[in-house]
Amino acid sequence: RRVSKISRELKRLITVDLLLVNEMTNDVWYNRHNVKWEEGTTSVVSREGLVKMKLLAGRKQDIADIEKLREAEDEG
């Protein structure tokens, strides 16, 4: 699920993707990273976790995103 909110302090839109943790995504959640940003700290899934979630969703855009992620990894 995606949730968006307008931050009054920052005067911009903040969008957050929510992860439903279940048997298929449990490892994605437990291998997440905590990242500091302007508003505090937030949890971010790893690159591998993102790929797994996109594979589970299996939408056309998700498959294209996975290809881009893998290309970027090969270049880096």
PDB file of N, CA and C in Angstrom:
ATOM      1  N   ARG A   1       0.833  -1.183   0.000  1.00  0.00           N
ATOM      2  CA  ARG A   1       0.000   0.000   0.000  1.00  0.00           C
ATOM      3  C   ARG A   1       0.878   1.247   0.000  1.00  0.00           C
ATOM      4  N   ARG A   2       0.413   2.252  -0.678  1.00  0.00           N
ATOM      5  CA  ARG A   2       1.131   3.526  -0.748  1.00  0.00           C
ATOM      6  C   ARG A   2       0.276   4.592  -0.074  1.00  0.00           C
ATOM      7  N   VAL A   3       0.917   5.370   0.805  1.00  0.00           N
ATOM      8  CA  VAL A   3       0.245   6.438   1.525  1.00  0.00           C
ATOM      9  C   VAL A   3       1.008   7.730   1.273  1.00  0.00           C
ATOM     10  N   SER A   4       0.290   8.812   1.021  1.00  0.00           N
ATOM     11  CA  SER A   4       0.923  10.114   0.807  1.00  0.00           C
ATOM     12  C   SER A   4       0.359  11.125   1.787  1.00  0.00           C
ATOM     13  N   LYS A   5       1.217  12.059   2.181  1.00  0.00           N
ATOM     14  CA  LYS A   5       0.829  13.090   3.134  1.00  0.00           C
ATOM     15  C   LYS A   5       1.589  14.358   2.786  1.00  0.00           C
ATOM     16  N   ILE A   6       0.940  15.487   2.926  1.00  0.00           N
ATOM     17  CA  ILE A   6       1.632  16.757   2.726  1.00  0.00           C
ATOM     18  C   ILE A   6       2.219  17.174   4.062  1.00  0.00           C
ATOM     19  N   SER A   7       3.538  17.380   4.073  1.00  0.00           N
ATOM     20  CA  SER A   7       4.220  17.820   5.284  1.00  0.00           C
ATOM     21  C   SER A   7       4.091  19.335   5.384  1.00  0.00           C
ATOM     22  N   ARG A   8       3.451  19.797   6.429  1.00  0.00           N
ATOM     23  CA  ARG A   8       3.304  21.248   6.615  1.00  0.00           C
ATOM     24  C   ARG A   8       4.647  21.904   6.884  1.00  0.00           C
ATOM     25  N   GLU A   9       5.507  21.219   7.635  1.00  0.00           N
ATOM     26  CA  GLU A   9       6.810  21.783   7.968  1.00  0.00           C
ATOM     27  C   GLU A   9       7.704  21.895   6.738  1.00  0.00           C
ATOM     28  N   LEU A  10       7.754  20.831   5.947  1.00  0.00           N
ATOM     29  CA  LEU A  10       8.622  20.809   4.768  1.00  0.00           C
ATOM     30  C   LEU A  10       7.938  21.366   3.523  1.00  0.00           C
ATOM     31  N   LYS A  11       6.619  21.512   3.591  1.00  0.00           N
ATOM     32  CA  LYS A  11       5.824  22.012   2.455  1.00  0.00           C
ATOM     33  C   LYS A  11       6.050  21.189   1.198  1.00  0.00           C
ATOM     34  N   ARG A  12       5.969  19.871   1.383  1.00  0.00           N
ATOM     35  CA  ARG A  12       6.102  18.965   0.243  1.00  0.00           C
ATOM     36  C   ARG A  12       5.357  17.665   0.535  1.00  0.00           C
ATOM     37  N   LEU A  13       5.152  16.909  -0.532  1.00  0.00           N
ATOM     38  CA  LEU A  13       4.454  15.635  -0.431  1.00  0.00           C
ATOM     39  C   LEU A  13       5.427  14.540  -0.001  1.00  0.00           C
ATOM     40  N   ILE A  14       5.040  13.767   0.990  1.00  0.00           N
ATOM     41  CA  ILE A  14       5.833  12.629   1.446  1.00  0.00           C
ATOM     42  C   ILE A  14       5.025  11.373   1.124  1.00  0.00           C
ATOM     43  N   THR A  15       5.641  10.445   0.398  1.00  0.00           N
ATOM     44  CA  THR A  15       4.975   9.201   0.022  1.00  0.00           C
ATOM     45  C   THR A  15       5.687   8.032   0.687  1.00  0.00           C
ATOM     46  N   VAL A  16       4.909   7.143   1.266  1.00  0.00           N
ATOM     47  CA  VAL A  16       5.455   5.988   1.974  1.00  0.00           C
ATOM     48  C   VAL A  16       4.769   4.727   1.449  1.00  0.00           C
ATOM     49  N   ASP A  17       5.561   3.699   1.161  1.00  0.00           N
ATOM     50  CA  ASP A  17       5.017   2.392   0.800  1.00  0.00           C
ATOM     51  C   ASP A  17       5.003   1.533   2.055  1.00  0.00           C
ATOM     52  N   LEU A  18       3.866   0.941   2.351  1.00  0.00           N
ATOM     53  CA  LEU A  18       3.727   0.083   3.525  1.00  0.00           C
ATOM     54  C   LEU A  18       3.899  -1.374   3.120  1.00  0.00           C
ATOM     55  N   LEU A  19       4.568  -2.138   3.971  1.00  0.00           N
ATOM     56  CA  LEU A  19       4.831  -3.548   3.704  1.00  0.00           C
ATOM     57  C   LEU A  19       4.031  -4.405   4.674  1.00  0.00           C
ATOM     58  N   LEU A  20       3.198  -5.269   4.127  1.00  0.00           N
ATOM     59  CA  LEU A  20       2.479  -6.237   4.944  1.00  0.00           C
ATOM     60  C   LEU A  20       3.415  -7.424   5.158  1.00  0.00           C
ATOM     61  N   VAL A  21       3.815  -7.635   6.401  1.00  0.00           N
ATOM     62  CA  VAL A  21       4.759  -8.712   6.703  1.00  0.00           C
ATOM     63  C   VAL A  21       3.985 -10.017   6.882  1.00  0.00           C
ATOM     64  N   ASN A  22       4.363 -11.012   6.074  1.00  0.00           N
ATOM     65  CA  ASN A  22       3.767 -12.340   6.165  1.00  0.00           C
ATOM     66  C   ASN A  22       4.869 -13.360   5.876  1.00  0.00           C
ATOM     67  N   GLU A  23       4.510 -14.616   5.702  1.00  0.00           N
ATOM     68  CA  GLU A  23       5.528 -15.649   5.464  1.00  0.00           C
ATOM     69  C   GLU A  23       6.404 -15.336   4.258  1.00  0.00           C
ATOM     70  N   MET A  24       5.819 -14.745   3.224  1.00  0.00           N
ATOM     71  CA  MET A  24       6.565 -14.498   1.988  1.00  0.00           C
ATOM     72  C   MET A  24       7.461 -13.265   2.070  1.00  0.00           C
ATOM     73  N   THR A  25       7.154 -12.337   2.986  1.00  0.00           N
ATOM     74  CA  THR A  25       7.938 -11.099   3.074  1.00  0.00           C
ATOM     75  C   THR A  25       8.663 -10.938   4.405  1.00  0.00           C
ATOM     76  N   ASN A  26       8.585 -11.941   5.255  1.00  0.00           N
ATOM     77  CA  ASN A  26       9.204 -11.872   6.573  1.00  0.00           C
ATOM     78  C   ASN A  26      10.699 -11.557   6.489  1.00  0.00           C
ATOM     79  N   ASP A  27      11.420 -12.216   5.592  1.00  0.00           N
ATOM     80  CA  ASP A  27      12.861 -11.980   5.462  1.00  0.00           C
ATOM     81  C   ASP A  27      13.153 -10.578   4.943  1.00  0.00           C
ATOM     82  N   VAL A  28      12.285 -10.052   4.085  1.00  0.00           N
ATOM     83  CA  VAL A  28      12.467  -8.685   3.579  1.00  0.00           C
ATOM     84  C   VAL A  28      12.407  -7.699   4.742  1.00  0.00           C
ATOM     85  N   TRP A  29      11.450  -7.887   5.635  1.00  0.00           N
ATOM     86  CA  TRP A  29      11.286  -6.988   6.776  1.00  0.00           C
ATOM     87  C   TRP A  29      12.477  -7.081   7.735  1.00  0.00           C
ATOM     88  N   TYR A  30      12.917  -8.283   8.033  1.00  0.00           N
ATOM     89  CA  TYR A  30      13.990  -8.437   9.009  1.00  0.00           C
ATOM     90  C   TYR A  30      15.365  -8.066   8.466  1.00  0.00           C
ATOM     91  N   ASN A  31      15.508  -7.931   7.167  1.00  0.00           N
ATOM     92  CA  ASN A  31      16.774  -7.505   6.567  1.00  0.00           C
ATOM     93  C   ASN A  31      16.739  -6.048   6.116  1.00  0.00           C
ATOM     94  N   ARG A  32      15.794  -5.281   6.632  1.00  0.00           N
ATOM     95  CA  ARG A  32      15.667  -3.869   6.257  1.00  0.00           C
ATOM     96  C   ARG A  32      16.802  -3.046   6.878  1.00  0.00           C
ATOM     97  N   HIS A  33      16.937  -1.824   6.378  1.00  0.00           N
ATOM     98  CA  HIS A  33      17.936  -0.885   6.891  1.00  0.00           C
ATOM     99  C   HIS A  33      17.209   0.304   7.513  1.00  0.00           C
ATOM    100  N   ASN A  34      17.777   0.858   8.569  1.00  0.00           N
ATOM    101  CA  ASN A  34      17.249   2.096   9.136  1.00  0.00           C
ATOM    102  C   ASN A  34      18.065   3.249   8.577  1.00  0.00           C
ATOM    103  N   VAL A  35      17.366   4.235   8.023  1.00  0.00           N
ATOM    104  CA  VAL A  35      18.016   5.355   7.353  1.00  0.00           C
ATOM    105  C   VAL A  35      17.550   6.656   8.000  1.00  0.00           C
ATOM    106  N   LYS A  36      18.512   7.538   8.298  1.00  0.00           N
ATOM    107  CA  LYS A  36      18.171   8.849   8.848  1.00  0.00           C
ATOM    108  C   LYS A  36      17.858   9.800   7.708  1.00  0.00           C
ATOM    109  N   TRP A  37      16.885  10.662   7.932  1.00  0.00           N
ATOM    110  CA  TRP A  37      16.547  11.706   6.975  1.00  0.00           C
ATOM    111  C   TRP A  37      16.021  12.902   7.747  1.00  0.00           C
ATOM    112  N   GLU A  38      15.568  13.924   7.063  1.00  0.00           N
ATOM    113  CA  GLU A  38      15.172  15.187   7.690  1.00  0.00           C
ATOM    114  C   GLU A  38      14.155  15.031   8.811  1.00  0.00           C
ATOM    115  N   GLU A  39      13.228  14.109   8.669  1.00  0.00           N
ATOM    116  CA  GLU A  39      12.143  13.937   9.636  1.00  0.00           C
ATOM    117  C   GLU A  39      12.484  12.960  10.756  1.00  0.00           C
ATOM    118  N   GLY A  40      13.631  12.315  10.699  1.00  0.00           N
ATOM    119  CA  GLY A  40      14.001  11.337  11.715  1.00  0.00           C
ATOM    120  C   GLY A  40      14.614  10.102  11.092  1.00  0.00           C
ATOM    121  N   THR A  41      14.115   8.938  11.462  1.00  0.00           N
ATOM    122  CA  THR A  41      14.623   7.670  10.951  1.00  0.00           C
ATOM    123  C   THR A  41      13.463   6.870  10.364  1.00  0.00           C
ATOM    124  N   THR A  42      13.750   6.167   9.277  1.00  0.00           N
ATOM    125  CA  THR A  42      12.732   5.320   8.656  1.00  0.00           C
ATOM    126  C   THR A  42      13.353   4.001   8.230  1.00  0.00           C
ATOM    127  N   SER A  43      12.547   2.988   8.056  1.00  0.00           N
ATOM    128  CA  SER A  43      13.027   1.683   7.607  1.00  0.00           C
ATOM    129  C   SER A  43      12.903   1.579   6.095  1.00  0.00           C
ATOM    130  N   VAL A  44      13.948   1.035   5.473  1.00  0.00           N
ATOM    131  CA  VAL A  44      13.996   0.880   4.021  1.00  0.00           C
ATOM    132  C   VAL A  44      14.412  -0.554   3.723  1.00  0.00           C
ATOM    133  N   VAL A  45      13.713  -1.204   2.800  1.00  0.00           N
ATOM    134  CA  VAL A  45      14.092  -2.572   2.450  1.00  0.00           C
ATOM    135  C   VAL A  45      15.387  -2.562   1.648  1.00  0.00           C
ATOM    136  N   SER A  46      16.109  -3.662   1.699  1.00  0.00           N
ATOM    137  CA  SER A  46      17.351  -3.797   0.937  1.00  0.00           C
ATOM    138  C   SER A  46      17.036  -3.914  -0.550  1.00  0.00           C
ATOM    139  N   ARG A  47      18.050  -3.778  -1.373  1.00  0.00           N
ATOM    140  CA  ARG A  47      17.872  -3.941  -2.821  1.00  0.00           C
ATOM    141  C   ARG A  47      17.324  -5.341  -3.118  1.00  0.00           C
ATOM    142  N   GLU A  48      17.894  -6.350  -2.454  1.00  0.00           N
ATOM    143  CA  GLU A  48      17.433  -7.719  -2.665  1.00  0.00           C
ATOM    144  C   GLU A  48      15.973  -7.876  -2.231  1.00  0.00           C
ATOM    145  N   GLY A  49      15.621  -7.218  -1.118  1.00  0.00           N
ATOM    146  CA  GLY A  49      14.245  -7.263  -0.643  1.00  0.00           C
ATOM    147  C   GLY A  49      13.281  -6.597  -1.608  1.00  0.00           C
ATOM    148  N   LEU A  50      13.713  -5.481  -2.177  1.00  0.00           N
ATOM    149  CA  LEU A  50      12.885  -4.781  -3.157  1.00  0.00           C
ATOM    150  C   LEU A  50      12.650  -5.653  -4.386  1.00  0.00           C
ATOM    151  N   VAL A  51      13.708  -6.311  -4.847  1.00  0.00           N
ATOM    152  CA  VAL A  51      13.575  -7.208  -6.000  1.00  0.00           C
ATOM    153  C   VAL A  51      12.596  -8.333  -5.670  1.00  0.00           C
ATOM    154  N   LYS A  52      12.714  -8.908  -4.479  1.00  0.00           N
ATOM    155  CA  LYS A  52      11.806  -9.993  -4.093  1.00  0.00           C
ATOM    156  C   LYS A  52      10.359  -9.518  -4.073  1.00  0.00           C
ATOM    157  N   MET A  53      10.109  -8.336  -3.500  1.00  0.00           N
ATOM    158  CA  MET A  53       8.747  -7.814  -3.442  1.00  0.00           C
ATOM    159  C   MET A  53       8.194  -7.560  -4.840  1.00  0.00           C
ATOM    160  N   LYS A  54       9.039  -7.062  -5.732  1.00  0.00           N
ATOM    161  CA  LYS A  54       8.604  -6.804  -7.103  1.00  0.00           C
ATOM    162  C   LYS A  54       8.338  -8.117  -7.848  1.00  0.00           C
ATOM    163  N   LEU A  55       9.148  -9.136  -7.586  1.00  0.00           N
ATOM    164  CA  LEU A  55       8.889 -10.449  -8.190  1.00  0.00           C
ATOM    165  C   LEU A  55       7.564 -11.025  -7.696  1.00  0.00           C
ATOM    166  N   LEU A  56       7.285 -10.861  -6.412  1.00  0.00           N
ATOM    167  CA  LEU A  56       6.023 -11.348  -5.851  1.00  0.00           C
ATOM    168  C   LEU A  56       4.826 -10.628  -6.471  1.00  0.00           C
ATOM    169  N   ALA A  57       4.965  -9.331  -6.700  1.00  0.00           N
ATOM    170  CA  ALA A  57       3.871  -8.558  -7.309  1.00  0.00           C
ATOM    171  C   ALA A  57       3.702  -8.949  -8.772  1.00  0.00           C
ATOM    172  N   GLY A  58       4.833  -9.090  -9.474  1.00  0.00           N
ATOM    173  CA  GLY A  58       4.817  -9.597 -10.841  1.00  0.00           C
ATOM    174  C   GLY A  58       4.175  -8.724 -11.902  1.00  0.00           C
ATOM    175  N   ARG A  59       3.911  -7.459 -11.579  1.00  0.00           N
ATOM    176  CA  ARG A  59       3.320  -6.570 -12.581  1.00  0.00           C
ATOM    177  C   ARG A  59       4.357  -6.199 -13.632  1.00  0.00           C
ATOM    178  N   LYS A  60       3.889  -5.791 -14.778  1.00  0.00           N
ATOM    179  CA  LYS A  60       4.763  -5.425 -15.894  1.00  0.00           C
ATOM    180  C   LYS A  60       5.790  -4.359 -15.469  1.00  0.00           C
ATOM    181  N   GLN A  61       5.331  -3.334 -14.760  1.00  0.00           N
ATOM    182  CA  GLN A  61       6.232  -2.271 -14.314  1.00  0.00           C
ATOM    183  C   GLN A  61       7.246  -2.801 -13.309  1.00  0.00           C
ATOM    184  N   ASP A  62       6.833  -3.719 -12.444  1.00  0.00           N
ATOM    185  CA  ASP A  62       7.756  -4.301 -11.468  1.00  0.00           C
ATOM    186  C   ASP A  62       8.884  -5.054 -12.165  1.00  0.00           C
ATOM    187  N   ILE A  63       8.563  -5.808 -13.207  1.00  0.00           N
ATOM    188  CA  ILE A  63       9.582  -6.551 -13.958  1.00  0.00           C
ATOM    189  C   ILE A  63      10.548  -5.576 -14.622  1.00  0.00           C
ATOM    190  N   ALA A  64      10.023  -4.481 -15.188  1.00  0.00           N
ATOM    191  CA  ALA A  64      10.881  -3.452 -15.795  1.00  0.00           C
ATOM    192  C   ALA A  64      11.770  -2.810 -14.737  1.00  0.00           C
ATOM    193  N   ASP A  65      11.224  -2.561 -13.547  1.00  0.00           N
ATOM    194  CA  ASP A  65      12.007  -1.986 -12.451  1.00  0.00           C
ATOM    195  C   ASP A  65      13.142  -2.915 -12.036  1.00  0.00           C
ATOM    196  N   ILE A  66      12.873  -4.214 -11.991  1.00  0.00           N
ATOM    197  CA  ILE A  66      13.900  -5.195 -11.625  1.00  0.00           C
ATOM    198  C   ILE A  66      15.038  -5.158 -12.637  1.00  0.00           C
ATOM    199  N   GLU A  67      14.704  -5.087 -13.909  1.00  0.00           N
ATOM    200  CA  GLU A  67      15.739  -5.004 -14.948  1.00  0.00           C
ATOM    201  C   GLU A  67      16.609  -3.773 -14.744  1.00  0.00           C
ATOM    202  N   LYS A  68      15.994  -2.634 -14.435  1.00  0.00           N
ATOM    203  CA  LYS A  68      16.753  -1.401 -14.198  1.00  0.00           C
ATOM    204  C   LYS A  68      17.634  -1.526 -12.960  1.00  0.00           C
ATOM    205  N   LEU A  69      17.106  -2.136 -11.905  1.00  0.00           N
ATOM    206  CA  LEU A  69      17.899  -2.337 -10.691  1.00  0.00           C
ATOM    207  C   LEU A  69      19.114  -3.217 -10.970  1.00  0.00           C
ATOM    208  N   ARG A  70      18.926  -4.264 -11.733  1.00  0.00           N
ATOM    209  CA  ARG A  70      20.030  -5.177 -12.057  1.00  0.00           C
ATOM    210  C   ARG A  70      21.052  -4.509 -12.968  1.00  0.00           C
ATOM    211  N   GLU A  71      20.592  -3.689 -13.922  1.00  0.00           N
ATOM    212  CA  GLU A  71      21.513  -2.945 -14.784  1.00  0.00           C
ATOM    213  C   GLU A  71      22.350  -1.972 -13.963  1.00  0.00           C
ATOM    214  N   ALA A  72      21.711  -1.273 -13.032  1.00  0.00           N
ATOM    215  CA  ALA A  72      22.421  -0.320 -12.179  1.00  0.00           C
ATOM    216  C   ALA A  72      23.444  -1.035 -11.310  1.00  0.00           C
ATOM    217  N   GLU A  73      23.103  -2.226 -10.846  1.00  0.00           N
ATOM    218  CA  GLU A  73      24.020  -3.017 -10.023  1.00  0.00           C
ATOM    219  C   GLU A  73      25.236  -3.444 -10.842  1.00  0.00           C
ATOM    220  N   ASP A  74      25.011  -3.836 -12.096  1.00  0.00           N
ATOM    221  CA  ASP A  74      26.109  -4.244 -12.977  1.00  0.00           C
ATOM    222  C   ASP A  74      27.036  -3.079 -13.289  1.00  0.00           C
ATOM    223  N   GLU A  75      26.479  -1.867 -13.415  1.00  0.00           N
ATOM    224  CA  GLU A  75      27.279  -0.680 -13.718  1.00  0.00           C
ATOM    225  C   GLU A  75      28.081  -0.220 -12.512  1.00  0.00           C
ATOM    226  N   GLY A  76      27.545  -0.448 -11.307  1.00  0.00           N
ATOM    227  CA  GLY A  76      28.164   0.046 -10.080  1.00  0.00           C
ATOM    228  C   GLY A  76      29.164  -0.886  -9.575  1.00  0.00           C
TER     229      GLY A  76
END
